Protein backbone atom coordinates (compact mmCIF):
# COMPACT_ATOMS: atom_id res chain seq x y z
CA UNK A 1 16.81 -0.86 0.68
CA UNK A 2 16.42 2.72 1.93
CA UNK A 3 15.28 5.23 -0.70
CA UNK A 4 17.75 7.72 0.81
CA UNK A 5 20.74 5.41 0.46
CA UNK A 6 23.50 5.81 -2.10
CA UNK A 7 22.79 2.25 -3.29
CA UNK A 8 19.21 3.12 -4.20
CA UNK A 9 20.24 6.29 -6.03
CA UNK A 10 22.90 4.33 -7.93
CA UNK A 11 20.42 1.58 -8.80
CA UNK A 12 17.85 4.11 -9.96
CA UNK A 13 20.25 6.03 -12.20
CA UNK A 14 21.79 2.84 -13.59
CA UNK A 15 18.33 1.46 -14.39
CA UNK A 16 17.30 4.65 -16.21
CA UNK A 17 20.56 4.73 -18.21
CA UNK A 18 20.41 1.08 -19.27
CA UNK A 19 16.69 1.38 -20.00
CA UNK A 20 17.14 4.03 -22.67
CA UNK A 21 20.33 2.54 -24.07
CA UNK A 22 18.88 -0.91 -24.75
CA UNK A 23 16.46 -1.72 -27.62
CA UNK A 24 12.80 -0.89 -26.99
CA UNK A 25 11.77 -4.56 -27.10
CA UNK A 26 14.12 -5.34 -24.19
CA UNK A 27 13.08 -2.56 -21.80
CA UNK A 28 10.23 -4.34 -20.02
CA UNK A 29 12.42 -7.38 -19.49
CA UNK A 30 15.31 -5.24 -18.25
CA UNK A 31 13.24 -3.58 -15.49
CA UNK A 32 11.73 -6.95 -14.56
CA UNK A 33 15.17 -8.57 -14.21
CA UNK A 34 16.55 -5.64 -12.18
CA UNK A 35 13.57 -5.72 -9.81
CA UNK A 36 13.86 -9.47 -9.30
CA UNK A 37 17.61 -9.19 -8.78
CA UNK A 38 17.04 -6.49 -6.14
CA UNK A 39 14.48 -8.61 -4.32
CA UNK A 40 16.70 -11.69 -4.42
CA UNK A 41 19.63 -9.65 -3.08
CA UNK A 42 17.68 -7.92 -0.29
CA UNK A 43 15.17 -10.67 0.58
CA UNK A 44 15.10 -14.00 -1.30
CA UNK A 45 11.88 -14.93 0.53
CA UNK A 46 10.20 -11.82 -0.85
CA UNK A 47 11.30 -12.67 -4.38
CA UNK A 48 10.00 -16.23 -4.04
CA UNK A 49 6.61 -15.26 -2.60
CA UNK A 50 5.95 -12.45 -5.06
CA UNK A 51 6.94 -14.69 -7.96
CA UNK A 52 4.57 -17.37 -6.65
CA UNK A 53 1.79 -14.76 -6.45
CA UNK A 54 2.44 -13.68 -10.01
CA UNK A 55 2.51 -17.17 -11.51
CA UNK A 56 -0.51 -18.45 -9.57
CA UNK A 57 -2.54 -15.33 -10.40
CA UNK A 58 -1.64 -15.55 -14.08
CA UNK A 59 -2.34 -19.29 -14.29
CA UNK A 60 -5.68 -19.11 -12.45
CA UNK A 61 -6.92 -16.21 -14.62
CA UNK A 62 -5.84 -17.67 -17.95
CA UNK A 63 -8.26 -18.24 -20.83
CA UNK A 64 -10.96 -16.13 -22.40
CA UNK A 65 -13.24 -16.19 -19.35
CA UNK A 66 -12.41 -16.61 -15.66
CA UNK A 67 -15.03 -18.64 -13.79
CA UNK A 68 -16.23 -17.72 -10.31
CA UNK A 69 -14.51 -20.72 -8.63
CA UNK A 70 -11.19 -19.86 -10.28
CA UNK A 71 -11.53 -16.21 -9.27
CA UNK A 72 -12.23 -17.22 -5.65
CA UNK A 73 -9.28 -19.61 -5.63
CA UNK A 74 -6.93 -16.97 -7.05
CA UNK A 75 -8.11 -14.46 -4.42
CA UNK A 76 -7.78 -17.05 -1.63
CA UNK A 77 -4.16 -17.82 -2.51
CA UNK A 78 -3.20 -14.16 -2.11
CA UNK A 79 -5.38 -13.54 0.96
CA UNK A 80 -4.01 -16.52 2.90
CA UNK A 81 -0.37 -15.60 2.31
CA UNK A 82 -0.95 -11.90 2.98
CA UNK A 83 -2.85 -12.59 6.20
CA UNK A 84 -0.27 -15.12 7.39
CA UNK A 85 2.66 -12.72 7.16
CA UNK A 86 0.81 -9.72 8.54
CA UNK A 87 -0.57 -11.62 11.54
CA UNK A 88 2.79 -13.25 12.25
CA UNK A 89 4.67 -9.97 12.06
CA UNK A 90 2.35 -7.83 14.14
CA UNK A 91 1.78 -10.53 16.75
CA UNK A 92 5.55 -10.49 17.19
CA UNK A 93 5.39 -6.79 18.06
CA UNK A 94 6.10 -5.27 14.67
CA UNK A 95 5.03 -1.77 13.76
CA UNK A 96 3.13 -0.65 10.70
CA UNK A 97 4.99 2.62 10.87
CA UNK A 98 7.83 1.24 8.79
CA UNK A 99 6.37 1.80 5.34
CA UNK A 100 9.53 0.98 3.44
CA UNK A 101 10.86 -2.38 4.51
CA UNK A 102 10.97 -4.93 7.27
CA UNK A 103 12.44 -8.39 7.24
CA UNK A 104 9.38 -10.20 8.57
CA UNK A 105 7.00 -9.14 5.79
CA UNK A 106 7.97 -9.69 2.14
CA UNK A 107 8.96 -6.42 0.51
CA UNK A 108 6.05 -4.63 -1.12
CA UNK A 109 3.61 -7.42 -0.16
CA UNK A 110 0.61 -5.17 0.61
CA UNK A 111 0.89 -3.17 -2.62
CA UNK A 112 1.71 -6.26 -4.67
CA UNK A 113 -1.27 -8.17 -3.26
CA UNK A 114 -3.75 -5.43 -4.11
CA UNK A 115 -2.39 -5.27 -7.66
CA UNK A 116 -3.05 -9.01 -7.91
CA UNK A 117 -6.57 -8.56 -6.51
CA UNK A 118 -7.21 -5.81 -9.03
CA UNK A 119 -6.03 -7.98 -11.93
CA UNK A 120 -8.11 -10.97 -10.76
CA UNK A 121 -11.27 -8.88 -10.42
CA UNK A 122 -10.81 -7.25 -13.81
CA UNK A 123 -10.09 -10.56 -15.53
CA UNK A 124 -13.31 -11.96 -14.02
CA UNK A 125 -15.22 -8.90 -15.26
CA UNK A 126 -13.52 -9.31 -18.65
CA UNK A 127 -12.34 -5.71 -18.67
CA UNK A 128 -8.72 -6.86 -19.04
CA UNK A 129 -7.56 -9.23 -21.75
CA UNK A 130 -5.05 -11.88 -20.81
CA UNK A 131 -1.66 -10.28 -21.48
CA UNK A 132 1.59 -12.04 -22.38
CA UNK A 133 3.28 -13.40 -19.26
CA UNK A 134 6.22 -11.02 -19.74
CA UNK A 135 3.91 -7.99 -19.70
CA UNK A 136 2.05 -9.21 -16.62
CA UNK A 137 5.28 -9.87 -14.73
CA UNK A 138 6.66 -6.49 -15.81
CA UNK A 139 3.52 -4.82 -14.39
CA UNK A 140 3.81 -6.56 -11.01
CA UNK A 141 7.58 -6.17 -10.80
CA UNK A 142 7.70 -2.54 -11.94
CA UNK A 143 10.66 -1.24 -9.93
CA UNK A 144 9.43 2.30 -9.12
CA UNK A 145 6.25 1.03 -7.42
CA UNK A 146 7.38 -2.33 -6.02
CA UNK A 147 8.18 -1.14 -2.48
CA UNK A 148 5.84 1.71 -1.52
CA UNK A 149 3.24 1.91 -4.29
CA UNK A 150 1.16 3.55 -5.60
CA UNK A 151 -1.21 0.66 -6.36
CA UNK A 152 -1.20 1.29 -10.10
CA UNK A 153 -3.76 -0.41 -12.38
CA UNK A 154 -2.86 -2.86 -15.13
CA UNK A 155 -4.67 -1.11 -18.01
CA UNK A 156 -3.01 2.21 -17.13
CA UNK A 157 0.40 0.55 -17.05
CA UNK A 158 -0.27 -1.29 -20.33
CA UNK A 159 -1.33 1.92 -22.12
CA UNK A 160 1.75 3.73 -20.86
CA UNK A 161 3.99 0.87 -22.03
CA UNK A 162 2.42 0.99 -25.50
CA UNK A 163 3.49 4.62 -25.99
CA UNK A 164 6.86 4.68 -24.21
CA UNK A 165 9.29 6.97 -25.97
CA UNK A 166 12.10 9.32 -25.04
CA UNK A 167 10.34 12.50 -23.92
CA UNK A 168 12.16 15.55 -22.58
CA UNK A 169 8.96 16.62 -20.80
CA UNK A 170 8.76 13.31 -18.93
CA UNK A 171 12.45 13.56 -18.06
CA UNK A 172 12.07 17.09 -16.71
CA UNK A 173 8.90 16.22 -14.76
CA UNK A 174 10.53 13.06 -13.40
CA UNK A 175 13.58 14.91 -12.09
CA UNK A 176 11.32 17.57 -10.59
CA UNK A 177 9.23 14.96 -8.76
CA UNK A 178 12.35 13.25 -7.47
CA UNK A 179 13.58 16.60 -6.16
CA UNK A 180 10.24 17.30 -4.47
CA UNK A 181 10.21 13.81 -2.98
CA UNK A 182 13.68 14.00 -1.50
CA UNK A 183 12.99 17.53 -0.25
CA UNK A 184 9.87 16.31 1.61
CA UNK A 185 11.68 13.33 3.12
CA UNK A 186 15.04 14.86 4.02
CA UNK A 187 14.38 18.51 4.78
CA UNK A 188 10.70 18.80 5.73
CA UNK A 189 10.21 15.42 7.44
CA UNK A 190 13.60 14.52 8.91
CA UNK A 191 15.12 17.96 9.53
CA UNK A 192 12.16 20.19 10.37
CA UNK A 193 9.45 17.89 11.76
CA UNK A 194 11.53 15.12 13.32
CA UNK A 195 14.52 17.29 14.20
CA UNK A 196 13.56 20.89 14.95
CA UNK A 197 9.98 20.29 16.08
CA UNK A 198 11.17 17.30 18.12
CA UNK A 199 13.81 19.45 19.81
CA UNK A 200 11.23 22.13 20.59
CA UNK A 201 8.91 19.58 22.18
CA UNK A 202 11.70 18.35 24.47
CA UNK A 203 12.33 21.91 25.71
CA UNK A 204 8.75 22.45 26.88
CA UNK A 205 8.14 22.38 30.66
CA UNK A 206 6.81 19.02 31.84
CA UNK A 207 3.74 20.66 33.36
CA UNK A 208 2.53 21.60 29.87
CA UNK A 209 1.43 18.02 29.28
CA UNK A 210 -1.52 18.93 27.04
CA UNK A 211 0.63 21.00 24.67
CA UNK A 212 3.34 18.34 24.59
CA UNK A 213 0.85 15.58 23.82
CA UNK A 214 -0.83 17.70 21.14
CA UNK A 215 2.45 18.61 19.44
CA UNK A 216 3.52 14.96 19.50
CA UNK A 217 0.41 13.78 17.65
CA UNK A 218 0.76 16.70 15.22
CA UNK A 219 4.39 15.71 14.67
CA UNK A 220 3.35 12.10 13.97
CA UNK A 221 0.75 13.27 11.44
CA UNK A 222 3.12 15.60 9.61
CA UNK A 223 5.88 13.00 9.59
CA UNK A 224 3.59 10.30 8.20
CA UNK A 225 2.32 12.53 5.40
CA UNK A 226 5.70 13.97 4.41
CA UNK A 227 7.44 10.59 4.37
CA UNK A 228 4.65 8.79 2.55
CA UNK A 229 4.02 11.60 0.05
CA UNK A 230 7.77 12.01 -0.45
CA UNK A 231 8.30 8.32 -1.20
CA UNK A 232 5.32 8.43 -3.58
CA UNK A 233 6.89 11.41 -5.36
CA UNK A 234 10.11 9.44 -5.73
CA UNK A 235 8.22 6.46 -7.19
CA UNK A 236 6.28 8.69 -9.60
CA UNK A 237 9.42 10.55 -10.62
CA UNK A 238 11.32 7.30 -11.18
CA UNK A 239 8.45 6.04 -13.34
CA UNK A 240 8.51 9.22 -15.44
CA UNK A 241 12.25 8.75 -16.03
CA UNK A 242 11.33 5.37 -17.54
CA UNK A 243 8.62 6.97 -19.68
CA UNK A 244 5.76 5.60 -17.54
CA UNK A 245 3.27 7.91 -15.86
CA UNK A 246 2.15 6.46 -12.50
CA UNK A 247 -1.05 7.62 -10.81
CA UNK A 248 -0.89 10.33 -8.16
CA UNK A 249 -1.18 9.19 -4.56
CA UNK A 250 -1.47 12.43 -2.54
CA UNK A 251 -2.99 15.83 -3.31
CA UNK A 252 -2.55 18.15 -0.29
CA UNK A 253 -4.85 16.04 1.94
CA UNK A 254 -4.32 18.12 5.09
CA UNK A 255 -5.81 21.19 3.36
CA UNK A 256 -9.17 19.57 2.56
CA UNK A 257 -12.45 20.96 3.88
CA UNK A 258 -14.08 17.67 4.86
CA UNK A 259 -13.30 14.01 5.45
CA UNK A 260 -14.64 13.00 2.02
CA UNK A 261 -12.24 15.38 0.26
CA UNK A 262 -9.47 14.14 2.53
CA UNK A 263 -9.93 10.53 1.37
CA UNK A 264 -10.07 11.67 -2.24
CA UNK A 265 -6.62 13.20 -1.68
CA UNK A 266 -4.92 10.77 0.75
CA UNK A 267 -3.41 7.50 -0.49
CA UNK A 268 -5.53 7.89 -3.61
CA UNK A 269 -4.51 4.55 -5.12
CA UNK A 270 -5.73 2.67 -2.02
CA UNK A 271 -8.91 4.68 -1.44
CA UNK A 272 -9.90 4.42 -5.13
CA UNK A 273 -9.14 0.66 -5.04
CA UNK A 274 -11.50 0.21 -2.09
CA UNK A 275 -14.13 2.38 -3.76
CA UNK A 276 -14.09 0.22 -6.91
CA UNK A 277 -13.73 -3.23 -5.35
CA UNK A 278 -15.37 -2.90 -1.93
CA UNK A 279 -17.73 0.09 -1.77
CA UNK A 280 -19.55 -0.32 -5.09
CA UNK A 281 -19.96 -4.13 -4.89
CA UNK A 282 -21.23 -3.95 -1.28
CA UNK A 283 -23.51 -1.05 -2.20
CA UNK A 284 -24.89 -3.01 -5.16
CA UNK A 285 -25.62 -6.05 -3.00
CA UNK A 286 -26.97 -4.27 0.10
CA UNK A 287 -28.35 -1.00 -1.30
CA UNK A 288 -27.00 0.54 1.88
CA UNK A 289 -24.26 3.21 1.51
CA UNK A 290 -23.59 3.12 5.26
CA UNK A 291 -22.74 -0.58 5.22
CA UNK A 292 -20.66 -0.10 2.07
CA UNK A 293 -18.73 2.78 3.65
CA UNK A 294 -17.95 0.88 6.85
CA UNK A 295 -16.93 -2.22 4.85
CA UNK A 296 -14.55 -0.13 2.72
CA UNK A 297 -12.84 1.47 5.69
CA UNK A 298 -12.60 -1.83 7.54
CA UNK A 299 -10.65 -3.18 4.55
CA UNK A 300 -8.47 -0.05 4.48
CA UNK A 301 -7.67 -0.62 8.15
CA UNK A 302 -6.89 -4.30 7.65
CA UNK A 303 -4.70 -3.49 4.64
CA UNK A 304 -2.42 -1.58 6.99
CA UNK A 305 -2.44 -4.11 9.80
CA UNK A 306 -4.58 -7.05 10.88
CA UNK A 307 -5.32 -5.85 14.40
CA UNK A 308 -8.08 -4.39 16.54
CA UNK A 309 -6.51 -0.93 16.58
CA UNK A 310 -6.50 -0.68 12.79
CA UNK A 311 -10.06 -1.96 12.56
CA UNK A 312 -11.04 0.77 15.04
CA UNK A 313 -9.08 3.34 13.04
CA UNK A 314 -10.86 2.29 9.84
CA UNK A 315 -14.27 2.45 11.52
CA UNK A 316 -13.33 5.84 13.02
CA UNK A 317 -12.89 7.21 9.51
CA UNK A 318 -15.91 5.35 8.18
CA UNK A 319 -18.12 6.82 10.91
CA UNK A 320 -16.63 10.25 10.25
CA UNK A 321 -17.57 9.97 6.58
CA UNK A 322 -21.12 8.88 7.47
CA UNK A 323 -21.51 11.86 9.83
CA UNK A 324 -20.30 14.16 7.07
CA UNK A 325 -22.82 12.71 4.59
CA UNK A 326 -25.64 13.12 7.10
CA UNK A 327 -24.53 16.72 7.68
CA UNK A 328 -24.60 17.37 3.90
CA UNK A 329 -28.19 16.10 3.78
CA UNK A 330 -29.03 18.40 6.70
CA UNK A 331 -27.49 21.39 4.88
CA UNK A 332 -29.38 20.66 1.69
CA UNK A 333 -32.65 20.22 3.57
CA UNK A 334 -32.37 23.63 5.23
CA UNK A 335 -30.50 25.31 2.33
CA UNK A 336 -27.44 26.18 4.41
CA UNK A 337 -24.41 27.48 2.50
CA UNK A 338 -22.20 29.06 5.14
CA UNK A 339 -19.01 29.02 3.06
CA UNK A 340 -20.72 31.33 0.54
CA UNK A 341 -21.69 34.04 3.02
CA UNK A 342 -20.31 37.37 1.75
CA UNK A 343 -17.24 38.57 3.57
CA UNK A 344 -17.00 35.75 6.10
CA UNK A 345 -17.22 32.63 3.90
CA UNK A 346 -13.46 32.15 4.26
CA UNK A 347 -13.88 31.78 8.04
CA UNK A 348 -16.09 28.71 7.59
CA UNK A 349 -13.69 27.28 5.01
CA UNK A 350 -10.78 27.71 7.43
CA UNK A 351 -12.77 26.16 10.29
CA UNK A 352 -13.70 23.22 8.04
CA UNK A 353 -10.05 22.62 7.17
CA UNK A 354 -8.99 22.78 10.81
CA UNK A 355 -11.80 20.46 11.91
CA UNK A 356 -10.95 17.90 9.21
CA UNK A 357 -7.24 18.07 10.00
CA UNK A 358 -7.82 17.49 13.70
CA UNK A 359 -10.25 14.65 13.08
CA UNK A 360 -7.53 12.95 11.04
CA UNK A 361 -4.66 13.52 13.46
CA UNK A 362 -6.75 12.45 16.46
CA UNK A 363 -7.56 9.29 14.52
CA UNK A 364 -3.87 8.55 14.15
CA UNK A 365 -3.62 8.28 17.93
CA UNK A 366 -5.60 5.04 17.64
CA UNK A 367 -2.85 3.36 15.60
CA UNK A 368 0.12 5.02 17.27
CA UNK A 369 -0.74 3.70 20.74
CA UNK A 370 -0.38 0.06 21.85
CA UNK A 371 -3.96 -0.29 23.11
CA UNK A 372 -7.25 1.57 23.37
CA UNK A 373 -6.65 2.47 27.02
CA UNK A 374 -3.50 4.36 26.00
CA UNK A 375 -5.49 6.09 23.26
CA UNK A 376 -7.98 7.35 25.84
CA UNK A 377 -5.13 8.57 28.06
CA UNK A 378 -3.76 10.68 25.19
CA UNK A 379 -7.20 12.12 24.43
CA UNK A 380 -7.79 12.86 28.11
CA UNK A 381 -4.41 14.56 28.42
CA UNK A 382 -5.01 16.83 25.45
CA UNK A 383 -8.66 17.64 26.04
CA UNK A 384 -9.08 17.69 29.82
CA UNK A 385 -5.71 18.18 31.59
CA UNK A 386 -6.09 21.96 31.46
CA UNK A 387 -9.33 21.82 33.51
């Protein structure tokens, strides 16, 4: 179901109205039933698979303490199903660019799977007590985040549920976030970037191949951010209308001064998930931050798509982060603080932002082209065709 459709808007407003009209003890169940009904209506397979995930995860993590074999089995169930659908879809020529819905992959599968992983890990660590089944299902089938995230954590959701009340501040903030989200998607992304910028690119003379190629990759980057951030705003706003604060997912990532700040501001729920469940465990076992960084970004790449191009894209960002860390060590060693130079510090800040932005958008070429040869052709066109 498209977030821009009249059906989605009607469903969202009807859910909010019924939510606050019904008794407090029924609200979790109401949202759960509406989410399941939506999934059954749009994709019965999705509803069946996600329900299976929920029940198997809950059953395998039951009891006071989750043993290592049970944790591994619970993880394996989710991994096998997730990998099966992603490999089948992308081998059939699917595109990861459709971040809302496609018929070949169960709706919300990537986000849903990582919520299950999070719950399994935390149950094994005994940082999460076994909740009632209704509460666990309500967390996994929380309508605002079921399709496009963010990957919210169970304890955060549980704390928010414990203090749900009618709050005019939440209502105002929720409506504001919805407005921002729809503005990003409809006006900024679809009208300006896809429409007006797309029209301008088509009017350029064909001999300006470098400029055309550059503007196309810039258009892809802007479109990806505005759509993804807009849909996240809609999810966060919807959650606020239900009295639930959902974690932020984007914080002006294209204005960050380095690749580390970028990943602290881009898809925050995914990057923080990989930090907690990949980076720190690998670092603890290897004592090597470089291995931990590359492992984290390999997982981030595979989360998007199980393919060589996304592994390369993940390693591209991992290597970029390692270069940045080495550069920070170099600066500290020689006491270099260029951004603090009187009068011209802003120049270095601006150059840092531009360098980070272009590193990111050139990385997107890796996943927007069908193969690595095509990636090289785009790079060659932009960088060398003017020679």
